[in-house]
Amino acid sequence: MNHAIFIMIFLHEPDSDPGRRPKANRATIQVCGLDRGAG
């Protein structure tokens, strides 16, 4: 459940920071890979 929350937070992250966007995207992918069942 915690992983799903993190994914939601990353998805809700604003796209105002182009430098921060890829970082969040990478983290989301990593979390998704760790907890595939949540997705």
Protein backbone atom coordinates (compact mmCIF):
# COMPACT_ATOMS: atom_id res chain seq x y z
CA MET A 1 0.00 0.00 0.00
CA ASN A 2 2.84 2.38 0.85
CA HIS A 3 4.28 1.95 -2.65
CA ALA A 4 0.94 2.88 -4.23
CA ILE A 5 0.85 6.06 -2.15
CA PHE A 6 4.35 6.98 -3.32
CA ILE A 7 3.37 6.37 -6.94
CA MET A 8 0.33 8.63 -6.52
CA ILE A 9 2.49 11.36 -4.97
CA PHE A 10 4.96 11.18 -7.85
CA LEU A 11 2.16 11.28 -10.41
CA HIS A 12 0.61 14.29 -8.66
CA GLU A 13 3.99 16.05 -8.68
CA PRO A 14 3.72 19.32 -10.65
CA ASP A 15 5.46 19.50 -14.02
CA SER A 16 6.65 23.04 -13.25
CA ASP A 17 10.19 21.78 -12.60
CA PRO A 18 11.57 20.14 -15.75
CA GLY A 19 14.66 19.08 -13.81
CA ARG A 20 12.62 17.42 -11.10
CA ARG A 21 10.16 15.69 -13.44
CA PRO A 22 12.57 13.01 -14.76
CA LYS A 23 13.72 12.24 -11.23
CA ALA A 24 10.14 11.63 -10.06
CA ASN A 25 9.44 9.61 -13.20
CA ARG A 26 12.45 7.38 -12.55
CA ALA A 27 11.43 6.88 -8.92
CA THR A 28 7.89 5.98 -9.98
CA ILE A 29 9.20 3.38 -12.43
CA GLN A 30 11.41 1.89 -9.72
CA VAL A 31 8.52 1.69 -7.24
CA CYS A 32 6.26 0.15 -9.88
CA GLY A 33 8.89 -2.49 -10.59
CA LEU A 34 9.27 -3.26 -6.88
CA ASP A 35 5.52 -3.57 -6.28
CA ARG A 36 3.98 -4.76 -9.53
CA GLY A 37 0.92 -6.14 -7.75
CA ALA A 38 -0.11 -2.64 -6.65
CA GLY A 39 -0.27 -1.49 -10.27
